[in-house]
Each structure stands twice: as structure tokens, then as C-alpha cells.
């Protein structure tokens, strides 16, 4: 699971550096919950956003289930498409 507010770009880049590709993914919007709405957590998420490491709107963020495969086994690489979707907000 990859959250849009927990540095998804660098997470995917790390996977690519380890020779993995995104071969499938599913994204769903979620409202901020109890933990992510705590003031100290919300401040940290806002700081990540300033650094272009978190992506969300006032009311929602996105959470993704991502399937990785070793690049030499993958028939397709959806890393670019995934990043466009997860960073859209």
C-alpha cells in the first residue's frame, strides 16, 4: 500500500532502482482519519507537501495497492501512469 501523503515518488523511484516495475495498481480516495488528522501528524504531512512529497486535497488523499514485479519479468511498466494518478491532487 502506498499513500499519496507518504512520499510516493521516491518510493517508486526506489523500486525502480531495485529493478522493479509497477505492473498493476488500484487507487482509492480516502478521508483523513483519526491518526492523520492529529495536529502534529497533519503538520508533518503539510511539511511533506511543501517538499513535493505529499499530495492531497483539503478533504481527501489517495491510497494505492501496487503490484511490483522484477523488471525482467514484467510485461509492462505502469510506473509513470501510477505517479500521474497518485500525485494528481
Protein backbone atom coordinates (compact mmCIF):
# COMPACT_ATOMS: atom_id res chain seq x y z
CA UNK A 1 0.00 0.00 0.00
CA UNK A 2 1.30 3.43 -0.93
CA UNK A 3 -0.24 6.61 0.43
CA UNK A 4 -0.21 9.85 -1.55
CA UNK A 5 0.97 11.67 1.57
CA UNK A 6 3.96 9.44 2.29
CA UNK A 7 6.43 10.28 -0.45
CA UNK A 8 5.11 8.11 -3.29
CA UNK A 9 7.51 9.50 -5.91
CA UNK A 10 10.64 8.46 -4.03
CA UNK A 11 9.03 5.13 -3.11
CA UNK A 12 8.51 4.30 -6.79
CA UNK A 13 11.98 5.55 -7.68
CA UNK A 14 13.46 3.26 -5.03
CA UNK A 15 11.54 0.32 -6.52
CA UNK A 16 12.87 1.18 -9.99
CA UNK A 17 16.40 1.45 -8.60
CA UNK A 18 15.94 -2.07 -7.19
CA UNK A 19 14.88 -3.26 -10.68
CA UNK A 20 11.13 -3.46 -10.00
CA UNK A 21 8.31 -2.20 -12.22
CA UNK A 22 4.75 -1.28 -11.35
CA UNK A 23 2.69 -3.83 -13.26
CA UNK A 24 -0.72 -3.06 -11.81
CA UNK A 25 -2.31 -0.72 -9.29
CA UNK A 26 -5.61 0.32 -7.77
CA UNK A 27 -6.21 3.75 -6.22
CA UNK A 28 -8.99 4.86 -3.91
CA UNK A 29 -9.69 8.24 -2.32
CA UNK A 30 -9.96 8.32 1.46
CA UNK A 31 -10.88 10.95 4.00
CA UNK A 32 -8.29 11.78 6.61
CA UNK A 33 -8.82 9.58 9.64
CA UNK A 34 -8.21 9.87 13.34
CA UNK A 35 -4.42 9.50 13.21
CA UNK A 36 -3.80 11.55 10.08
CA UNK A 37 -5.99 14.34 11.48
CA UNK A 38 -3.96 14.74 14.67
CA UNK A 39 -2.39 18.23 14.65
CA UNK A 40 1.24 17.02 14.82
CA UNK A 41 0.66 14.48 12.06
CA UNK A 42 -1.23 16.98 9.91
CA UNK A 43 1.63 19.49 10.33
CA UNK A 44 4.16 16.86 9.24
CA UNK A 45 2.06 15.95 6.20
CA UNK A 46 1.82 19.66 5.31
CA UNK A 47 5.61 19.94 5.56
CA UNK A 48 5.97 16.97 3.20
CA UNK A 49 3.60 18.71 0.79
CA UNK A 50 5.81 21.80 0.74
CA UNK A 51 8.67 19.48 -0.25
CA UNK A 52 6.54 17.92 -3.05
CA UNK A 53 6.49 14.62 -1.13
CA UNK A 54 2.78 14.57 -0.22
CA UNK A 55 -0.26 15.03 -2.43
CA UNK A 56 -3.78 15.61 -1.12
CA UNK A 57 -6.71 18.00 -1.12
CA UNK A 58 -8.43 19.63 1.83
CA UNK A 59 -10.70 16.63 2.34
CA UNK A 60 -9.05 13.55 0.83
CA UNK A 61 -5.87 11.76 -0.07
CA UNK A 62 -5.38 8.66 -2.18
CA UNK A 63 -4.25 5.23 -1.11
CA UNK A 64 -2.98 2.70 -3.63
CA UNK A 65 -2.45 -1.01 -3.77
CA UNK A 66 0.53 -1.55 -6.06
CA UNK A 67 1.78 -4.73 -7.68
CA UNK A 68 5.52 -4.80 -8.31
CA UNK A 69 7.41 -7.29 -10.45
CA UNK A 70 11.06 -7.61 -11.29
CA UNK A 71 11.68 -5.62 -14.47
CA UNK A 72 12.95 -8.61 -16.44
CA UNK A 73 9.67 -10.46 -15.74
CA UNK A 74 7.29 -7.54 -16.25
CA UNK A 75 5.33 -7.34 -19.50
CA UNK A 76 4.57 -3.68 -18.91
CA UNK A 77 5.70 -0.87 -16.64
CA UNK A 78 2.96 1.40 -15.32
CA UNK A 79 5.22 3.45 -13.06
CA UNK A 80 4.67 6.70 -14.99
CA UNK A 81 0.90 6.24 -15.08
CA UNK A 82 0.80 5.39 -11.40
CA UNK A 83 2.75 8.52 -10.49
CA UNK A 84 0.43 10.69 -12.54
CA UNK A 85 -2.59 9.31 -10.70
CA UNK A 86 -1.17 9.28 -7.13
CA UNK A 87 0.18 12.86 -7.43
CA UNK A 88 -2.91 14.34 -9.11
CA UNK A 89 -4.24 16.17 -6.03
